[in-house]
Amino acid sequence: MADDASSIEVLNSSAQGQLKSVIHRIERLEREKADLSADLKAVYAEAKGNGFDAKTLRKVVRLRRQDKAKRQEEDAILDLYLSALGGL
């Protein structure tokens, strides 16, 4: 552990301050991410309670986020592969 102590001494006070700032920001963002994740889970649970399929909702959200041309290209490739396999 002596190497760890000497490594800490190498960081000047400015670098130590920057490191603390970065760590605090990461920790804050991790808390916010956990909060958002809980909020999303609640919305999907509400949707499920109203009769919607959560898996399909996730797919719709993913597709809406995608570029239209890219989505069309992926659909065309999927159709080609399915056709080559005799359809499914």
N, C-alpha and C. Protein backbone atom coordinates (compact mmCIF):
# COMPACT_ATOMS: atom_id res chain seq x y z
N MET A 1 0.81 -1.19 0.00
CA MET A 1 0.00 0.00 0.00
C MET A 1 0.86 1.26 0.00
N ALA A 2 2.16 1.12 0.18
CA ALA A 2 3.04 2.28 0.18
C ALA A 2 2.99 2.97 -1.18
N ASP A 3 2.84 2.19 -2.24
CA ASP A 3 2.74 2.77 -3.57
C ASP A 3 1.50 3.65 -3.69
N ASP A 4 0.40 3.22 -3.06
CA ASP A 4 -0.82 4.03 -3.09
C ASP A 4 -0.61 5.37 -2.41
N ALA A 5 0.05 5.36 -1.29
CA ALA A 5 0.30 6.60 -0.56
C ALA A 5 1.17 7.54 -1.37
N SER A 6 2.21 7.01 -2.01
CA SER A 6 3.09 7.87 -2.81
C SER A 6 2.36 8.38 -4.04
N SER A 7 1.43 7.60 -4.57
CA SER A 7 0.65 8.05 -5.73
C SER A 7 -0.24 9.22 -5.36
N ILE A 8 -0.80 9.18 -4.16
CA ILE A 8 -1.67 10.27 -3.70
C ILE A 8 -0.87 11.54 -3.54
N GLU A 9 0.34 11.42 -3.05
CA GLU A 9 1.19 12.59 -2.85
C GLU A 9 1.53 13.26 -4.18
N VAL A 10 1.51 12.50 -5.26
CA VAL A 10 1.85 13.04 -6.58
C VAL A 10 0.76 14.00 -7.06
N LEU A 11 -0.48 13.77 -6.66
CA LEU A 11 -1.56 14.64 -7.08
C LEU A 11 -1.48 15.96 -6.33
N ASN A 12 -1.37 17.04 -7.05
CA ASN A 12 -1.36 18.35 -6.38
C ASN A 12 -2.77 18.69 -5.93
N SER A 13 -2.91 19.77 -5.20
CA SER A 13 -4.22 20.11 -4.64
C SER A 13 -5.24 20.40 -5.74
N SER A 14 -4.80 20.96 -6.86
CA SER A 14 -5.72 21.23 -7.97
C SER A 14 -6.25 19.91 -8.56
N ALA A 15 -5.36 18.96 -8.77
CA ALA A 15 -5.77 17.66 -9.31
C ALA A 15 -6.67 16.93 -8.32
N GLN A 16 -6.36 17.04 -7.04
CA GLN A 16 -7.20 16.40 -6.03
C GLN A 16 -8.60 17.01 -6.04
N GLY A 17 -8.67 18.32 -6.19
CA GLY A 17 -9.97 18.99 -6.27
C GLY A 17 -10.75 18.56 -7.49
N GLN A 18 -10.06 18.43 -8.63
CA GLN A 18 -10.72 17.98 -9.86
C GLN A 18 -11.22 16.56 -9.70
N LEU A 19 -10.39 15.70 -9.08
CA LEU A 19 -10.79 14.31 -8.87
C LEU A 19 -12.03 14.23 -7.99
N LYS A 20 -12.04 14.99 -6.91
CA LYS A 20 -13.21 15.00 -6.01
C LYS A 20 -14.44 15.48 -6.77
N SER A 21 -14.27 16.51 -7.59
CA SER A 21 -15.39 17.05 -8.35
C SER A 21 -15.95 16.01 -9.31
N VAL A 22 -15.06 15.32 -10.00
CA VAL A 22 -15.49 14.29 -10.96
C VAL A 22 -16.23 13.18 -10.23
N ILE A 23 -15.69 12.72 -9.11
CA ILE A 23 -16.32 11.64 -8.34
C ILE A 23 -17.70 12.08 -7.85
N HIS A 24 -17.82 13.30 -7.34
CA HIS A 24 -19.12 13.78 -6.87
C HIS A 24 -20.13 13.86 -8.01
N ARG A 25 -19.69 14.33 -9.18
CA ARG A 25 -20.59 14.41 -10.33
C ARG A 25 -21.05 13.03 -10.76
N ILE A 26 -20.11 12.07 -10.80
CA ILE A 26 -20.47 10.70 -11.18
C ILE A 26 -21.48 10.12 -10.19
N GLU A 27 -21.21 10.32 -8.90
CA GLU A 27 -22.13 9.81 -7.88
C GLU A 27 -23.52 10.43 -8.01
N ARG A 28 -23.57 11.74 -8.28
CA ARG A 28 -24.86 12.42 -8.46
C ARG A 28 -25.60 11.86 -9.66
N LEU A 29 -24.86 11.68 -10.76
CA LEU A 29 -25.49 11.15 -11.98
C LEU A 29 -25.96 9.72 -11.77
N GLU A 30 -25.21 8.92 -11.03
CA GLU A 30 -25.64 7.55 -10.74
C GLU A 30 -26.94 7.55 -9.93
N ARG A 31 -27.06 8.48 -8.97
CA ARG A 31 -28.31 8.59 -8.20
C ARG A 31 -29.46 9.00 -9.11
N GLU A 32 -29.19 9.98 -9.99
CA GLU A 32 -30.24 10.43 -10.91
C GLU A 32 -30.64 9.30 -11.85
N LYS A 33 -29.66 8.52 -12.31
CA LYS A 33 -29.95 7.39 -13.20
C LYS A 33 -30.83 6.37 -12.49
N ALA A 34 -30.54 6.11 -11.22
CA ALA A 34 -31.35 5.16 -10.44
C ALA A 34 -32.78 5.70 -10.27
N ASP A 35 -32.90 7.00 -10.03
CA ASP A 35 -34.22 7.61 -9.90
C ASP A 35 -35.00 7.51 -11.21
N LEU A 36 -34.34 7.81 -12.33
CA LEU A 36 -35.00 7.72 -13.63
C LEU A 36 -35.40 6.28 -13.95
N SER A 37 -34.54 5.35 -13.60
CA SER A 37 -34.86 3.95 -13.83
C SER A 37 -36.10 3.54 -13.05
N ALA A 38 -36.19 3.99 -11.82
CA ALA A 38 -37.37 3.69 -11.00
C ALA A 38 -38.62 4.33 -11.60
N ASP A 39 -38.48 5.56 -12.11
CA ASP A 39 -39.61 6.25 -12.74
C ASP A 39 -40.07 5.51 -13.99
N LEU A 40 -39.11 5.07 -14.82
CA LEU A 40 -39.47 4.31 -16.03
C LEU A 40 -40.18 3.01 -15.67
N LYS A 41 -39.66 2.34 -14.66
CA LYS A 41 -40.28 1.08 -14.21
C LYS A 41 -41.73 1.33 -13.80
N ALA A 42 -41.95 2.44 -13.10
CA ALA A 42 -43.31 2.77 -12.65
C ALA A 42 -44.23 3.06 -13.84
N VAL A 43 -43.73 3.75 -14.85
CA VAL A 43 -44.55 4.07 -16.03
C VAL A 43 -44.89 2.79 -16.78
N TYR A 44 -43.90 1.89 -16.95
CA TYR A 44 -44.19 0.63 -17.63
C TYR A 44 -45.18 -0.21 -16.83
N ALA A 45 -45.08 -0.18 -15.50
CA ALA A 45 -46.03 -0.91 -14.66
C ALA A 45 -47.43 -0.33 -14.80
N GLU A 46 -47.51 0.99 -14.86
CA GLU A 46 -48.81 1.65 -15.06
C GLU A 46 -49.41 1.25 -16.41
N ALA A 47 -48.56 1.27 -17.44
CA ALA A 47 -49.03 0.89 -18.78
C ALA A 47 -49.51 -0.55 -18.79
N LYS A 48 -48.75 -1.43 -18.12
CA LYS A 48 -49.15 -2.83 -18.04
C LYS A 48 -50.49 -2.96 -17.32
N GLY A 49 -50.67 -2.17 -16.27
CA GLY A 49 -51.93 -2.18 -15.53
C GLY A 49 -53.10 -1.72 -16.37
N ASN A 50 -52.80 -0.93 -17.40
CA ASN A 50 -53.85 -0.45 -18.32
C ASN A 50 -54.00 -1.35 -19.54
N GLY A 51 -53.34 -2.51 -19.52
CA GLY A 51 -53.53 -3.50 -20.57
C GLY A 51 -52.51 -3.44 -21.70
N PHE A 52 -51.48 -2.61 -21.59
CA PHE A 52 -50.48 -2.55 -22.65
C PHE A 52 -49.36 -3.55 -22.37
N ASP A 53 -48.74 -4.04 -23.43
CA ASP A 53 -47.64 -4.99 -23.32
C ASP A 53 -46.33 -4.21 -23.20
N ALA A 54 -45.65 -4.36 -22.06
CA ALA A 54 -44.43 -3.58 -21.80
C ALA A 54 -43.32 -3.89 -22.81
N LYS A 55 -43.18 -5.14 -23.19
CA LYS A 55 -42.14 -5.52 -24.16
C LYS A 55 -42.37 -4.81 -25.49
N THR A 56 -43.60 -4.76 -25.93
CA THR A 56 -43.93 -4.08 -27.19
C THR A 56 -43.73 -2.57 -27.04
N LEU A 57 -44.09 -2.02 -25.90
CA LEU A 57 -43.87 -0.58 -25.68
C LEU A 57 -42.38 -0.25 -25.77
N ARG A 58 -41.54 -1.09 -25.18
CA ARG A 58 -40.08 -0.87 -25.24
C ARG A 58 -39.60 -0.90 -26.69
N LYS A 59 -40.14 -1.82 -27.46
CA LYS A 59 -39.75 -1.92 -28.87
C LYS A 59 -40.19 -0.68 -29.64
N VAL A 60 -41.40 -0.20 -29.37
CA VAL A 60 -41.90 1.01 -30.03
C VAL A 60 -40.98 2.20 -29.70
N VAL A 61 -40.62 2.33 -28.44
CA VAL A 61 -39.74 3.43 -28.03
C VAL A 61 -38.40 3.31 -28.74
N ARG A 62 -37.84 2.10 -28.80
CA ARG A 62 -36.55 1.88 -29.47
C ARG A 62 -36.65 2.22 -30.95
N LEU A 63 -37.74 1.80 -31.60
CA LEU A 63 -37.91 2.07 -33.03
C LEU A 63 -38.08 3.57 -33.30
N ARG A 64 -38.81 4.26 -32.44
CA ARG A 64 -39.02 5.70 -32.63
C ARG A 64 -37.73 6.49 -32.46
N ARG A 65 -36.82 5.95 -31.66
CA ARG A 65 -35.53 6.60 -31.43
C ARG A 65 -34.61 6.43 -32.64
N GLN A 66 -34.85 5.38 -33.41
CA GLN A 66 -33.99 5.04 -34.54
C GLN A 66 -34.26 5.95 -35.74
N ASP A 67 -33.24 6.18 -36.53
CA ASP A 67 -33.37 6.91 -37.78
C ASP A 67 -34.27 6.12 -38.72
N LYS A 68 -35.20 6.81 -39.40
CA LYS A 68 -36.17 6.13 -40.25
C LYS A 68 -35.50 5.32 -41.36
N ALA A 69 -34.49 5.89 -42.01
CA ALA A 69 -33.80 5.18 -43.10
C ALA A 69 -33.10 3.93 -42.57
N LYS A 70 -32.48 4.04 -41.41
CA LYS A 70 -31.79 2.90 -40.81
C LYS A 70 -32.79 1.81 -40.45
N ARG A 71 -33.93 2.21 -39.91
CA ARG A 71 -34.98 1.25 -39.55
C ARG A 71 -35.49 0.53 -40.80
N GLN A 72 -35.70 1.28 -41.88
CA GLN A 72 -36.18 0.67 -43.12
C GLN A 72 -35.14 -0.30 -43.68
N GLU A 73 -33.87 0.06 -43.58
CA GLU A 73 -32.81 -0.82 -44.06
C GLU A 73 -32.79 -2.11 -43.25
N GLU A 74 -32.89 -2.00 -41.92
CA GLU A 74 -32.92 -3.19 -41.07
C GLU A 74 -34.13 -4.06 -41.37
N ASP A 75 -35.29 -3.42 -41.59
CA ASP A 75 -36.50 -4.18 -41.93
C ASP A 75 -36.32 -4.93 -43.25
N ALA A 76 -35.70 -4.27 -44.23
CA ALA A 76 -35.48 -4.90 -45.54
C ALA A 76 -34.55 -6.10 -45.41
N ILE A 77 -33.50 -5.95 -44.61
CA ILE A 77 -32.56 -7.06 -44.41
C ILE A 77 -33.24 -8.20 -43.68
N LEU A 78 -34.05 -7.87 -42.67
CA LEU A 78 -34.79 -8.90 -41.94
C LEU A 78 -35.73 -9.65 -42.88
N ASP A 79 -36.46 -8.92 -43.72
CA ASP A 79 -37.35 -9.55 -44.70
C ASP A 79 -36.58 -10.45 -45.64
N LEU A 80 -35.41 -10.01 -46.09
CA LEU A 80 -34.58 -10.81 -46.98
C LEU A 80 -34.16 -12.10 -46.32
N TYR A 81 -33.68 -12.00 -45.06
CA TYR A 81 -33.25 -13.21 -44.35
C TYR A 81 -34.40 -14.17 -44.11
N LEU A 82 -35.55 -13.63 -43.70
CA LEU A 82 -36.71 -14.48 -43.46
C LEU A 82 -37.16 -15.15 -44.75
N SER A 83 -37.13 -14.41 -45.85
CA SER A 83 -37.50 -14.97 -47.14
C SER A 83 -36.54 -16.09 -47.54
N ALA A 84 -35.25 -15.88 -47.29
CA ALA A 84 -34.25 -16.87 -47.63
C ALA A 84 -34.45 -18.15 -46.81
N LEU A 85 -35.01 -18.01 -45.63
CA LEU A 85 -35.25 -19.17 -44.76
C LEU A 85 -36.63 -19.78 -45.01
N GLY A 86 -37.35 -19.27 -46.00
CA GLY A 86 -38.65 -19.80 -46.30
C GLY A 86 -39.76 -19.16 -45.46
N GLY A 87 -39.48 -18.01 -44.88
CA GLY A 87 -40.47 -17.33 -44.06
C GLY A 87 -40.64 -18.00 -42.72
N LEU A 88 -41.11 -17.26 -41.80
CA LEU A 88 -41.35 -17.84 -40.47
C LEU A 88 -42.74 -17.53 -39.99
